[in-house]
PDB file of N, CA and C in Angstrom:
ATOM      1  N   UNK A   1     -60.436 228.271  53.091  1.00  0.00           N
ATOM      2  CA  UNK A   1     -59.069 228.565  53.450  1.00  0.00           C
ATOM      3  C   UNK A   1     -58.230 228.653  52.180  1.00  0.00           C
ATOM      4  N   UNK A   2     -57.449 229.694  52.075  1.00  0.00           N
ATOM      5  CA  UNK A   2     -56.541 229.853  50.953  1.00  0.00           C
ATOM      6  C   UNK A   2     -55.278 229.042  51.201  1.00  0.00           C
ATOM      7  N   UNK A   3     -54.745 228.500  50.128  1.00  0.00           N
ATOM      8  CA  UNK A   3     -53.508 227.725  50.240  1.00  0.00           C
ATOM      9  C   UNK A   3     -52.355 228.651  50.587  1.00  0.00           C
ATOM     10  N   UNK A   4     -51.514 228.203  51.501  1.00  0.00           N
ATOM     11  CA  UNK A   4     -50.294 228.927  51.801  1.00  0.00           C
ATOM     12  C   UNK A   4     -49.239 228.600  50.766  1.00  0.00           C
ATOM     13  N   UNK A   5     -48.250 229.440  50.650  1.00  0.00           N
ATOM     14  CA  UNK A   5     -47.156 229.204  49.713  1.00  0.00           C
ATOM     15  C   UNK A   5     -45.886 228.960  50.498  1.00  0.00           C
ATOM     16  N   UNK A   6     -45.184 227.895  50.138  1.00  0.00           N
ATOM     17  CA  UNK A   6     -43.920 227.565  50.767  1.00  0.00           C
ATOM     18  C   UNK A   6     -42.991 227.022  49.698  1.00  0.00           C
ATOM     19  N   UNK A   7     -41.872 227.688  49.502  1.00  0.00           N
ATOM     20  CA  UNK A   7     -40.841 227.217  48.583  1.00  0.00           C
ATOM     21  C   UNK A   7     -39.707 226.622  49.416  1.00  0.00           C
ATOM     22  N   UNK A   8     -39.131 225.513  48.956  1.00  0.00           N
ATOM     23  CA  UNK A   8     -38.034 224.901  49.686  1.00  0.00           C
ATOM     24  C   UNK A   8     -37.085 224.198  48.737  1.00  0.00           C
ATOM     25  N   UNK A   9     -35.938 223.771  49.282  1.00  0.00           N
ATOM     26  CA  UNK A   9     -34.879 223.128  48.504  1.00  0.00           C
ATOM     27  C   UNK A   9     -34.639 221.729  49.034  1.00  0.00           C
ATOM     28  N   UNK A  10     -34.446 220.787  48.111  1.00  0.00           N
ATOM     29  CA  UNK A  10     -34.104 219.408  48.457  1.00  0.00           C
ATOM     30  C   UNK A  10     -32.827 219.047  47.696  1.00  0.00           C
ATOM     31  N   UNK A  11     -31.819 218.520  48.382  1.00  0.00           N
ATOM     32  CA  UNK A  11     -30.643 218.022  47.677  1.00  0.00           C
ATOM     33  C   UNK A  11     -30.979 216.708  46.952  1.00  0.00           C
ATOM     34  N   UNK A  12     -30.549 216.578  45.725  1.00  0.00           N
ATOM     35  CA  UNK A  12     -30.775 215.359  44.942  1.00  0.00           C
ATOM     36  C   UNK A  12     -30.133 214.155  45.617  1.00  0.00           C
ATOM     37  N   UNK A  13     -30.774 212.995  45.504  1.00  0.00           N
ATOM     38  CA  UNK A  13     -30.249 211.718  45.987  1.00  0.00           C
ATOM     39  C   UNK A  13     -30.014 211.713  47.500  1.00  0.00           C
ATOM     40  N   UNK A  14     -30.958 212.317  48.261  1.00  0.00           N
ATOM     41  CA  UNK A  14     -30.895 212.298  49.719  1.00  0.00           C
ATOM     42  C   UNK A  14     -32.265 211.942  50.281  1.00  0.00           C
ATOM     43  N   UNK A  15     -32.290 211.488  51.519  1.00  0.00           N
ATOM     44  CA  UNK A  15     -33.530 211.302  52.264  1.00  0.00           C
ATOM     45  C   UNK A  15     -33.815 212.607  52.996  1.00  0.00           C
ATOM     46  N   UNK A  16     -35.042 213.109  52.876  1.00  0.00           N
ATOM     47  CA  UNK A  16     -35.395 214.378  53.502  1.00  0.00           C
ATOM     48  C   UNK A  16     -36.762 214.261  54.164  1.00  0.00           C
ATOM     49  N   UNK A  17     -36.885 214.750  55.406  1.00  0.00           N
ATOM     50  CA  UNK A  17     -38.178 214.840  56.078  1.00  0.00           C
ATOM     51  C   UNK A  17     -38.409 216.291  56.465  1.00  0.00           C
ATOM     52  N   UNK A  18     -39.573 216.810  56.110  1.00  0.00           N
ATOM     53  CA  UNK A  18     -39.979 218.170  56.465  1.00  0.00           C
ATOM     54  C   UNK A  18     -41.182 218.054  57.386  1.00  0.00           C
ATOM     55  N   UNK A  19     -41.143 218.724  58.538  1.00  0.00           N
ATOM     56  CA  UNK A  19     -42.229 218.656  59.516  1.00  0.00           C
ATOM     57  C   UNK A  19     -42.875 220.026  59.677  1.00  0.00           C
ATOM     58  N   UNK A  20     -44.208 220.027  59.878  1.00  0.00           N
ATOM     59  CA  UNK A  20     -44.985 221.257  59.944  1.00  0.00           C
ATOM     60  C   UNK A  20     -45.974 221.212  61.101  1.00  0.00           C
ATOM     61  N   UNK A  21     -46.342 222.390  61.598  1.00  0.00           N
ATOM     62  CA  UNK A  21     -47.408 222.536  62.581  1.00  0.00           C
ATOM     63  C   UNK A  21     -48.450 223.475  61.995  1.00  0.00           C
ATOM     64  N   UNK A  22     -49.722 223.091  62.118  1.00  0.00           N
ATOM     65  CA  UNK A  22     -50.812 223.911  61.610  1.00  0.00           C
ATOM     66  C   UNK A  22     -51.916 223.957  62.663  1.00  0.00           C
ATOM     67  N   UNK A  23     -52.215 225.145  63.156  1.00  0.00           N
ATOM     68  CA  UNK A  23     -53.203 225.261  64.225  1.00  0.00           C
ATOM     69  C   UNK A  23     -54.618 225.140  63.661  1.00  0.00           C
ATOM     70  N   UNK A  24     -55.490 224.536  64.452  1.00  0.00           N
ATOM     71  CA  UNK A  24     -56.895 224.455  64.071  1.00  0.00           C
ATOM     72  C   UNK A  24     -57.289 223.227  63.278  1.00  0.00           C
ATOM     73  N   UNK A  25     -56.346 222.347  62.987  1.00  0.00           N
ATOM     74  CA  UNK A  25     -56.655 221.141  62.213  1.00  0.00           C
ATOM     75  C   UNK A  25     -56.151 219.904  62.935  1.00  0.00           C
ATOM     76  N   UNK A  26     -57.066 219.004  63.294  1.00  0.00           N
ATOM     77  CA  UNK A  26     -56.669 217.676  63.730  1.00  0.00           C
ATOM     78  C   UNK A  26     -56.681 216.826  62.467  1.00  0.00           C
ATOM     79  N   UNK A  27     -55.545 216.644  61.879  1.00  0.00           N
ATOM     80  CA  UNK A  27     -55.437 216.002  60.568  1.00  0.00           C
ATOM     81  C   UNK A  27     -55.544 214.487  60.625  1.00  0.00           C
ATOM     82  N   UNK A  28     -55.648 213.919  61.821  1.00  0.00           N
ATOM     83  CA  UNK A  28     -55.709 212.463  61.943  1.00  0.00           C
ATOM     84  C   UNK A  28     -56.940 211.861  61.281  1.00  0.00           C
ATOM     85  N   UNK A  29     -57.976 212.663  61.032  1.00  0.00           N
ATOM     86  CA  UNK A  29     -59.195 212.157  60.392  1.00  0.00           C
ATOM     87  C   UNK A  29     -59.213 212.411  58.888  1.00  0.00           C
ATOM     88  N   UNK A  30     -58.141 212.953  58.350  1.00  0.00           N
ATOM     89  CA  UNK A  30     -58.046 213.294  56.932  1.00  0.00           C
ATOM     90  C   UNK A  30     -57.183 212.279  56.189  1.00  0.00           C
ATOM     91  N   UNK A  31     -57.288 212.304  54.875  1.00  0.00           N
ATOM     92  CA  UNK A  31     -56.303 211.673  54.010  1.00  0.00           C
ATOM     93  C   UNK A  31     -55.588 212.808  53.285  1.00  0.00           C
ATOM     94  N   UNK A  32     -54.449 212.523  52.676  1.00  0.00           N
ATOM     95  CA  UNK A  32     -53.663 213.588  52.067  1.00  0.00           C
ATOM     96  C   UNK A  32     -52.882 213.089  50.871  1.00  0.00           C
ATOM     97  N   UNK A  33     -52.508 214.052  50.030  1.00  0.00           N
ATOM     98  CA  UNK A  33     -51.709 213.746  48.844  1.00  0.00           C
ATOM     99  C   UNK A  33     -50.821 214.947  48.537  1.00  0.00           C
ATOM    100  N   UNK A  34     -49.577 214.683  48.160  1.00  0.00           N
ATOM    101  CA  UNK A  34     -48.648 215.692  47.681  1.00  0.00           C
ATOM    102  C   UNK A  34     -48.127 215.217  46.340  1.00  0.00           C
ATOM    103  N   UNK A  35     -48.130 216.120  45.353  1.00  0.00           N
ATOM    104  CA  UNK A  35     -47.603 215.770  44.038  1.00  0.00           C
ATOM    105  C   UNK A  35     -46.619 216.835  43.576  1.00  0.00           C
ATOM    106  N   UNK A  36     -45.534 216.356  42.959  1.00  0.00           N
ATOM    107  CA  UNK A  36     -44.515 217.231  42.384  1.00  0.00           C
ATOM    108  C   UNK A  36     -44.546 217.059  40.876  1.00  0.00           C
ATOM    109  N   UNK A  37     -44.556 218.187  40.166  1.00  0.00           N
ATOM    110  CA  UNK A  37     -44.558 218.194  38.697  1.00  0.00           C
ATOM    111  C   UNK A  37     -43.538 219.215  38.210  1.00  0.00           C
ATOM    112  N   UNK A  38     -43.108 219.056  36.970  1.00  0.00           N
ATOM    113  CA  UNK A  38     -42.196 220.044  36.382  1.00  0.00           C
ATOM    114  C   UNK A  38     -42.924 221.373  36.187  1.00  0.00           C
ATOM    115  N   UNK A  39     -44.206 221.318  35.817  1.00  0.00           N
ATOM    116  CA  UNK A  39     -45.032 222.528  35.718  1.00  0.00           C
ATOM    117  C   UNK A  39     -46.457 222.148  36.109  1.00  0.00           C
ATOM    118  N   UNK A  40     -47.267 223.138  36.471  1.00  0.00           N
ATOM    119  CA  UNK A  40     -48.642 222.860  36.874  1.00  0.00           C
ATOM    120  C   UNK A  40     -49.457 222.236  35.744  1.00  0.00           C
ATOM    121  N   UNK A  41     -49.044 222.432  34.500  1.00  0.00           N
ATOM    122  CA  UNK A  41     -49.791 221.901  33.354  1.00  0.00           C
ATOM    123  C   UNK A  41     -49.429 220.466  32.996  1.00  0.00           C
ATOM    124  N   UNK A  42     -48.385 219.899  33.603  1.00  0.00           N
ATOM    125  CA  UNK A  42     -48.002 218.522  33.300  1.00  0.00           C
ATOM    126  C   UNK A  42     -49.100 217.552  33.720  1.00  0.00           C
ATOM    127  N   UNK A  43     -49.360 216.568  32.873  1.00  0.00           N
ATOM    128  CA  UNK A  43     -50.448 215.615  33.129  1.00  0.00           C
ATOM    129  C   UNK A  43     -50.135 214.668  34.279  1.00  0.00           C
ATOM    130  N   UNK A  44     -48.880 214.250  34.408  1.00  0.00           N
ATOM    131  CA  UNK A  44     -48.524 213.255  35.418  1.00  0.00           C
ATOM    132  C   UNK A  44     -47.490 213.806  36.386  1.00  0.00           C
ATOM    133  N   UNK A  45     -47.629 213.469  37.675  1.00  0.00           N
ATOM    134  CA  UNK A  45     -46.611 213.901  38.635  1.00  0.00           C
ATOM    135  C   UNK A  45     -45.332 213.081  38.487  1.00  0.00           C
ATOM    136  N   UNK A  46     -44.210 213.673  38.858  1.00  0.00           N
ATOM    137  CA  UNK A  46     -42.938 212.972  38.872  1.00  0.00           C
ATOM    138  C   UNK A  46     -42.796 212.212  40.190  1.00  0.00           C
ATOM    139  N   UNK A  47     -43.234 212.834  41.281  1.00  0.00           N
ATOM    140  CA  UNK A  47     -43.229 212.220  42.607  1.00  0.00           C
ATOM    141  C   UNK A  47     -44.592 212.438  43.236  1.00  0.00           C
ATOM    142  N   UNK A  48     -45.107 211.403  43.888  1.00  0.00           N
ATOM    143  CA  UNK A  48     -46.389 211.474  44.592  1.00  0.00           C
ATOM    144  C   UNK A  48     -46.214 210.884  45.981  1.00  0.00           C
ATOM    145  N   UNK A  49     -46.712 211.590  47.004  1.00  0.00           N
ATOM    146  CA  UNK A  49     -46.713 211.079  48.366  1.00  0.00           C
ATOM    147  C   UNK A  49     -48.154 210.931  48.846  1.00  0.00           C
ATOM    148  N   UNK A  50     -48.413 209.944  49.716  1.00  0.00           N
ATOM    149  CA  UNK A  50     -49.708 209.769  50.374  1.00  0.00           C
ATOM    150  C   UNK A  50     -49.443 209.458  51.843  1.00  0.00           C
ATOM    151  N   UNK A  51     -50.520 209.369  52.629  1.00  0.00           N
ATOM    152  CA  UNK A  51     -50.319 209.022  54.030  1.00  0.00           C
ATOM    153  C   UNK A  51     -50.500 207.534  54.284  1.00  0.00           C
ATOM    154  N   UNK A  52     -50.631 206.738  53.231  1.00  0.00           N
ATOM    155  CA  UNK A  52     -50.652 205.282  53.387  1.00  0.00           C
ATOM    156  C   UNK A  52     -49.333 204.842  54.017  1.00  0.00           C
ATOM    157  N   UNK A  53     -49.318 203.701  54.652  1.00  0.00           N
ATOM    158  CA  UNK A  53     -48.107 203.201  55.296  1.00  0.00           C
ATOM    159  C   UNK A  53     -46.944 203.229  54.309  1.00  0.00           C
ATOM    160  N   UNK A  54     -45.905 203.937  54.675  1.00  0.00           N
ATOM    161  CA  UNK A  54     -44.734 204.053  53.810  1.00  0.00           C
ATOM    162  C   UNK A  54     -44.912 205.021  52.667  1.00  0.00           C
ATOM    163  N   UNK A  55     -46.023 205.752  52.640  1.00  0.00           N
ATOM    164  CA  UNK A  55     -46.315 206.656  51.533  1.00  0.00           C
ATOM    165  C   UNK A  55     -45.660 208.015  51.626  1.00  0.00           C
ATOM    166  N   UNK A  56     -45.043 208.330  52.785  1.00  0.00           N
ATOM    167  CA  UNK A  56     -44.284 209.565  52.892  1.00  0.00           C
ATOM    168  C   UNK A  56     -44.959 210.696  53.633  1.00  0.00           C
ATOM    169  N   UNK A  57     -46.281 210.606  53.888  1.00  0.00           N
ATOM    170  CA  UNK A  57     -46.990 211.657  54.616  1.00  0.00           C
ATOM    171  C   UNK A  57     -47.475 211.084  55.939  1.00  0.00           C
ATOM    172  N   UNK A  58     -47.217 211.820  57.019  1.00  0.00           N
ATOM    173  CA  UNK A  58     -47.737 211.462  58.335  1.00  0.00           C
ATOM    174  C   UNK A  58     -48.591 212.634  58.809  1.00  0.00           C
ATOM    175  N   UNK A  59     -49.847 212.337  59.178  1.00  0.00           N
ATOM    176  CA  UNK A  59     -50.782 213.354  59.650  1.00  0.00           C
ATOM    177  C   UNK A  59     -51.001 213.191  61.150  1.00  0.00           C
ATOM    178  N   UNK A  60     -51.023 214.298  61.883  1.00  0.00           N
ATOM    179  CA  UNK A  60     -51.228 214.261  63.326  1.00  0.00           C
ATOM    180  C   UNK A  60     -52.210 215.330  63.766  1.00  0.00           C
ATOM    181  N   UNK A  61     -52.290 215.538  65.061  1.00  0.00           N
ATOM    182  CA  UNK A  61     -53.156 216.568  65.622  1.00  0.00           C
ATOM    183  C   UNK A  61     -52.435 217.911  65.524  1.00  0.00           C
ATOM    184  N   UNK A  62     -52.726 218.647  64.468  1.00  0.00           N
ATOM    185  CA  UNK A  62     -52.072 219.928  64.236  1.00  0.00           C
ATOM    186  C   UNK A  62     -50.680 219.813  63.649  1.00  0.00           C
ATOM    187  N   UNK A  63     -50.315 218.635  63.192  1.00  0.00           N
ATOM    188  CA  UNK A  63     -48.987 218.440  62.613  1.00  0.00           C
ATOM    189  C   UNK A  63     -49.080 217.569  61.362  1.00  0.00           C
ATOM    190  N   UNK A  64     -48.098 217.709  60.511  1.00  0.00           N
ATOM    191  CA  UNK A  64     -47.922 216.784  59.389  1.00  0.00           C
ATOM    192  C   UNK A  64     -46.478 216.813  58.961  1.00  0.00           C
ATOM    193  N   UNK A  65     -46.062 215.742  58.307  1.00  0.00           N
ATOM    194  CA  UNK A  65     -44.692 215.695  57.786  1.00  0.00           C
ATOM    195  C   UNK A  65     -44.685 215.008  56.429  1.00  0.00           C
ATOM    196  N   UNK A  66     -43.672 215.350  55.658  1.00  0.00           N
ATOM    197  CA  UNK A  66     -43.431 214.742  54.350  1.00  0.00           C
ATOM    198  C   UNK A  66     -42.049 214.129  54.383  1.00  0.00           C
ATOM    199  N   UNK A  67     -41.929 212.884  53.951  1.00  0.00           N
ATOM    200  CA  UNK A  67     -40.635 212.239  53.848  1.00  0.00           C
ATOM    201  C   UNK A  67     -40.398 211.846  52.397  1.00  0.00           C
ATOM    202  N   UNK A  68     -39.308 212.342  51.852  1.00  0.00           N
ATOM    203  CA  UNK A  68     -38.878 212.016  50.502  1.00  0.00           C
ATOM    204  C   UNK A  68     -37.705 211.052  50.616  1.00  0.00           C
ATOM    205  N   UNK A  69     -37.767 209.927  49.918  1.00  0.00           N
ATOM    206  CA  UNK A  69     -36.662 208.971  49.935  1.00  0.00           C
ATOM    207  C   UNK A  69     -35.595 209.396  48.931  1.00  0.00           C
ATOM    208  N   UNK A  70     -34.395 208.829  49.094  1.00  0.00           N
ATOM    209  CA  UNK A  70     -33.339 209.155  48.124  1.00  0.00           C
ATOM    210  C   UNK A  70     -33.715 208.672  46.725  1.00  0.00           C
ATOM    211  N   UNK A  71     -34.510 207.617  46.610  1.00  0.00           N
ATOM    212  CA  UNK A  71     -34.984 207.167  45.292  1.00  0.00           C
ATOM    213  C   UNK A  71     -35.869 208.236  44.655  1.00  0.00           C
ATOM    214  N   UNK A  72     -36.742 208.847  45.451  1.00  0.00           N
ATOM    215  CA  UNK A  72     -37.616 209.895  44.924  1.00  0.00           C
ATOM    216  C   UNK A  72     -36.838 211.149  44.564  1.00  0.00           C
ATOM    217  N   UNK A  73     -35.929 211.587  45.423  1.00  0.00           N
ATOM    218  CA  UNK A  73     -35.176 212.800  45.102  1.00  0.00           C
ATOM    219  C   UNK A  73     -34.207 212.555  43.951  1.00  0.00           C
ATOM    220  N   UNK A  74     -33.756 211.320  43.790  1.00  0.00           N
ATOM    221  CA  UNK A  74     -32.875 211.003  42.669  1.00  0.00           C
ATOM    222  C   UNK A  74     -33.631 210.997  41.341  1.00  0.00           C
ATOM    223  N   UNK A  75     -34.961 210.795  41.387  1.00  0.00           N
ATOM    224  CA  UNK A  75     -35.779 210.820  40.167  1.00  0.00           C
ATOM    225  C   UNK A  75     -35.941 212.236  39.620  1.00  0.00           C
ATOM    226  N   UNK A  76     -35.570 213.222  40.411  1.00  0.00           N
ATOM    227  CA  UNK A  76     -35.696 214.620  40.012  1.00  0.00           C
ATOM    228  C   UNK A  76     -34.343 215.150  39.549  1.00  0.00           C
ATOM    229  N   UNK A  77     -34.297 215.658  38.338  1.00  0.00           N
ATOM    230  CA  UNK A  77     -33.077 216.321  37.868  1.00  0.00           C
ATOM    231  C   UNK A  77     -32.935 217.630  38.621  1.00  0.00           C
ATOM    232  N   UNK A  78     -31.709 218.136  38.728  1.00  0.00           N
ATOM    233  CA  UNK A  78     -31.512 219.437  39.350  1.00  0.00           C
ATOM    234  C   UNK A  78     -32.348 220.466  38.599  1.00  0.00           C
ATOM    235  N   UNK A  79     -33.059 221.298  39.346  1.00  0.00           N
ATOM    236  CA  UNK A  79     -33.921 222.310  38.736  1.00  0.00           C
ATOM    237  C   UNK A  79     -35.053 222.700  39.657  1.00  0.00           C
ATOM    238  N   UNK A  80     -36.029 223.395  39.102  1.00  0.00           N
ATOM    239  CA  UNK A  80     -37.171 223.903  39.874  1.00  0.00           C
ATOM    240  C   UNK A  80     -38.433 223.177  39.448  1.00  0.00           C
ATOM    241  N   UNK A  81     -39.226 222.746  40.427  1.00  0.00           N
ATOM    242  CA  UNK A  81     -40.474 222.020  40.220  1.00  0.00           C
ATOM    243  C   UNK A  81     -41.588 222.720  40.997  1.00  0.00           C
ATOM    244  N   UNK A  82     -42.823 222.339  40.737  1.00  0.00           N
ATOM    245  CA  UNK A  82     -43.959 222.859  41.486  1.00  0.00           C
ATOM    246  C   UNK A  82     -44.629 221.697  42.222  1.00  0.00           C
ATOM    247  N   UNK A  83     -45.307 222.010  43.311  1.00  0.00           N
ATOM    248  CA  UNK A  83     -46.006 220.980  44.069  1.00  0.00           C
ATOM    249  C   UNK A  83     -47.265 221.572  44.690  1.00  0.00           C
ATOM    250  N   UNK A  84     -48.168 220.697  45.086  1.00  0.00           N
ATOM    251  CA  UNK A  84     -49.298 221.092  45.931  1.00  0.00           C
ATOM    252  C   UNK A  84     -49.565 219.965  46.912  1.00  0.00           C
ATOM    253  N   UNK A  85     -50.063 220.347  48.093  1.00  0.00           N
ATOM    254  CA  UNK A  85     -50.392 219.412  49.168  1.00  0.00           C
ATOM    255  C   UNK A  85     -51.862 219.601  49.505  1.00  0.00           C
ATOM    256  N   UNK A  86     -52.643 218.528  49.334  1.00  0.00           N
ATOM    257  CA  UNK A  86     -54.083 218.582  49.585  1.00  0.00           C
ATOM    258  C   UNK A  86     -54.458 217.609  50.688  1.00  0.00           C
ATOM    259  N   UNK A  87     -55.476 218.016  51.475  1.00  0.00           N
ATOM    260  CA  UNK A  87     -56.064 217.114  52.452  1.00  0.00           C
ATOM    261  C   UNK A  87     -57.519 216.883  52.051  1.00  0.00           C
ATOM    262  N   UNK A  88     -58.024 215.705  52.414  1.00  0.00           N
ATOM    263  CA  UNK A  88     -59.391 215.299  52.078  1.00  0.00           C
ATOM    264  C   UNK A  88     -60.088 214.860  53.358  1.00  0.00           C
ATOM    265  N   UNK A  89     -61.305 215.415  53.612  1.00  0.00           N
ATOM    266  CA  UNK A  89     -62.038 214.970  54.794  1.00  0.00           C
ATOM    267  C   UNK A  89     -62.811 213.697  54.468  1.00  0.00           C
ATOM    268  N   UNK A  90     -63.536 213.169  55.456  1.00  0.00           N
ATOM    269  CA  UNK A  90     -64.247 211.901  55.285  1.00  0.00           C
ATOM    270  C   UNK A  90     -65.307 211.967  54.189  1.00  0.00           C
ATOM    271  N   UNK A  91     -65.816 213.163  53.892  1.00  0.00           N
ATOM    272  CA  UNK A  91     -66.815 213.337  52.828  1.00  0.00           C
ATOM    273  C   UNK A  91     -66.183 213.482  51.452  1.00  0.00           C
ATOM    274  N   UNK A  92     -64.856 213.531  51.403  1.00  0.00           N
ATOM    275  CA  UNK A  92     -64.164 213.678  50.127  1.00  0.00           C
ATOM    276  C   UNK A  92     -63.900 215.114  49.730  1.00  0.00           C
ATOM    277  N   UNK A  93     -64.311 216.079  50.564  1.00  0.00           N
ATOM    278  CA  UNK A  93     -64.026 217.476  50.259  1.00  0.00           C
ATOM    279  C   UNK A  93     -62.527 217.714  50.399  1.00  0.00           C
ATOM    280  N   UNK A  94     -61.975 218.447  49.442  1.00  0.00           N
ATOM    281  CA  UNK A  94     -60.525 218.650  49.460  1.00  0.00           C
ATOM    282  C   UNK A  94     -60.172 220.102  49.729  1.00  0.00           C
ATOM    283  N   UNK A  95     -59.053 220.262  50.414  1.00  0.00           N
ATOM    284  CA  UNK A  95     -58.509 221.577  50.724  1.00  0.00           C
ATOM    285  C   UNK A  95     -57.043 221.570  50.350  1.00  0.00           C
ATOM    286  N   UNK A  96     -56.639 222.530  49.542  1.00  0.00           N
ATOM    287  CA  UNK A  96     -55.220 222.667  49.219  1.00  0.00           C
ATOM    288  C   UNK A  96     -54.594 223.507  50.322  1.00  0.00           C
ATOM    289  N   UNK A  97     -53.750 222.892  51.142  1.00  0.00           N
ATOM    290  CA  UNK A  97     -53.136 223.593  52.265  1.00  0.00           C
ATOM    291  C   UNK A  97     -51.910 224.386  51.857  1.00  0.00           C
ATOM    292  N   UNK A  98     -51.043 223.764  51.063  1.00  0.00           N
ATOM    293  CA  UNK A  98     -49.765 224.399  50.713  1.00  0.00           C
ATOM    294  C   UNK A  98     -49.448 224.107  49.252  1.00  0.00           C
ATOM    295  N   UNK A  99     -48.835 225.086  48.616  1.00  0.00           N
ATOM    296  CA  UNK A  99     -48.323 224.913  47.264  1.00  0.00           C
ATOM    297  C   UNK A  99     -47.065 225.741  47.129  1.00  0.00           C
ATOM    298  N   UNK A 100     -46.291 225.448  46.114  1.00  0.00           N
ATOM    299  CA  UNK A 100     -45.103 226.259  45.912  1.00  0.00           C
ATOM    300  C   UNK A 100     -44.113 225.617  44.968  1.00  0.00           C
ATOM    301  N   UNK A 101     -42.870 226.037  45.105  1.00  0.00           N
ATOM    302  CA  UNK A 101     -41.790 225.554  44.254  1.00  0.00           C
ATOM    303  C   UNK A 101     -40.789 224.764  45.090  1.00  0.00           C
ATOM    304  N   UNK A 102     -40.263 223.723  44.477  1.00  0.00           N
ATOM    305  CA  UNK A 102     -39.196 222.935  45.080  1.00  0.00           C
ATOM    306  C   UNK A 102     -37.980 223.060  44.177  1.00  0.00           C
ATOM    307  N   UNK A 103     -36.873 223.476  44.744  1.00  0.00           N
ATOM    308  CA  UNK A 103     -35.614 223.521  44.010  1.00  0.00           C
ATOM    309  C   UNK A 103     -34.818 222.280  44.387  1.00  0.00           C
ATOM    310  N   UNK A 104     -34.426 221.510  43.394  1.00  0.00           N
ATOM    311  CA  UNK A 104     -33.599 220.327  43.608  1.00  0.00           C
ATOM    312  C   UNK A 104     -32.178 220.690  43.215  1.00  0.00           C
ATOM    313  N   UNK A 105     -31.263 220.522  44.161  1.00  0.00           N
ATOM    314  CA  UNK A 105     -29.865 220.866  43.904  1.00  0.00           C
ATOM    315  C   UNK A 105     -29.111 219.634  43.392  1.00  0.00           C
ATOM    316  N   UNK A 106     -28.068 219.879  42.618  1.00  0.00           N
ATOM    317  CA  UNK A 106     -27.273 218.804  42.010  1.00  0.00           C
ATOM    318  C   UNK A 106     -26.511 218.026  43.074  1.00  0.00           C
ATOM    319  N   UNK A 107     -26.123 216.816  42.713  1.00  0.00           N
ATOM    320  CA  UNK A 107     -25.382 215.911  43.601  1.00  0.00           C
ATOM    321  C   UNK A 107     -23.910 215.950  43.252  1.00  0.00           C
ATOM    322  N   UNK A 108     -23.079 216.659  44.040  1.00  0.00           N
ATOM    323  CA  UNK A 108     -21.661 216.717  43.715  1.00  0.00           C
ATOM    324  C   UNK A 108     -20.870 215.491  44.184  1.00  0.00           C
ATOM    325  N   UNK A 109     -21.385 214.782  45.203  1.00  0.00           N
ATOM    326  CA  UNK A 109     -20.687 213.611  45.743  1.00  0.00           C
ATOM    327  C   UNK A 109     -21.377 212.360  45.248  1.00  0.00           C
ATOM    328  N   UNK A 110     -20.652 211.443  44.633  1.00  0.00           N
ATOM    329  CA  UNK A 110     -21.264 210.243  44.080  1.00  0.00           C
ATOM    330  C   UNK A 110     -20.799 209.011  44.792  1.00  0.00           C
TER     331      UNK A 110
END
């Protein structure tokens, strides 16, 4: 399966949840990871989500969601970042489901 591309915008210093539906995948048996970097070549992610309790990713039967806390969005300066979202089956095989750009908008209200 080829990774889909999805670009989206997150306001800085806010809590944001994005929910998705994907047919053909019961994701409840998978683990997952999402990482945000300034560029694909950066060694370390700025923000990382997992599906561990409180980790920001919830996997369901044909659904998944990402929750970014205001602490995480505040760690990102206004600008454009890249991300990828991978799922891992019980054997450890990984599939990159979605990748793209995240635009973080500035915080005008303090």
